[in-house]
Amino acid sequence: MSKNFAIIGGDLRIIKLVKMLVEDGNIVYTYGLEKTDELKNNPNIYFCESLNKAIQKDLQVVIGPIPFSSDGISINAPFSERKIEVKELIQNLNTKTLIAGSILPDIYGMAKGKSIEIIDIMKREELAVLNTISTAEGTIEIAIANTNKIIQGSNVLILGFGRIGKVLAKKMEALSAKVTCSARKDEDLAWIKAYGYRATNINFLEEYLSEFDIIINTVPHLILNKERIQYLKEECLLIDLASNPGGIDKKSVEDRNLKLIWALGIPRKNSTSYNSRIY
């Protein structure tokens, strides 16, 4: 039995999902995907001119992007010129289910008391891990493309030892990089040593920073501040994977004329270019 779905915003992953849904005989109402040609001329796909037209009364499931919103104000929609506001979407979701990824806590607050079910698929561990693999591989691609040194033998510092830090360290080690991982918790520092990497405490980085050829930040808090950036060598490549505002002081990087790539949303790279900024 066919069903109706609304899909709002999103990148290449969402486009592939739309194609899978219509191949199964479902009808999809889209908003914020008008710049893609892959979905056009399909009788089961409707390109709507407004949110309320896309979110039909007879459908129960609305699907959003991963990440759902980077700033908590507008929905990520790289295939649209429109600014799709989160508040407007929430207002149109009464009694419906919203499925998206990496949903910010404030958005749950907006939906409170509105009979809306919210499902964050990135809270499913198996999906989060697979997403992490894409991020790690994309980060290595960025590193290779933006440094004159080969990865083998390079001194690489990874700030943070969560999902991304763990996978990235393993893949960098496989390329024969000299990997150092930094964390705050004693438990994480112990695991770093257990995996065979060099361990440093984030609170005491200063004495080591001048050693590194590549520094990759995964922590969504300011780690490399103005004082710490003064220790970096001029040819050090900085890659920040953390969401806004990132973990590296952008102004201090510019002042020292260092190279920083702020790479957001790497898993959606093949849809457009990933949202990266070079400083």
Foldseek 3Di string as FASTA:
>chain_A
DEAEEEEEAEFPVVVVVVVVNVVVVYAYEYELQVQDPPPPPDPRYHDDPDLLVRLDPRHAEYEAEVVQDQPQFFGHHPNHPDTHGLLVNLVNNALHEYEYAPDDPVSVVSNPPRNYHYHHCCVPPVVVLVLLLLVLVLVVVVVCVPAPDQLAAFEEEEEDDDSNNVNNQVVSVVSNHQYEYEEADPVSQVVCVVVPHHYDYLVPCQVPQCRGQEYEYDDQAARAELVSVVSHDQNREYEFAHGPPTHHDPVSCVVSVHWYKDFYPSSSCVRPHTPIDID
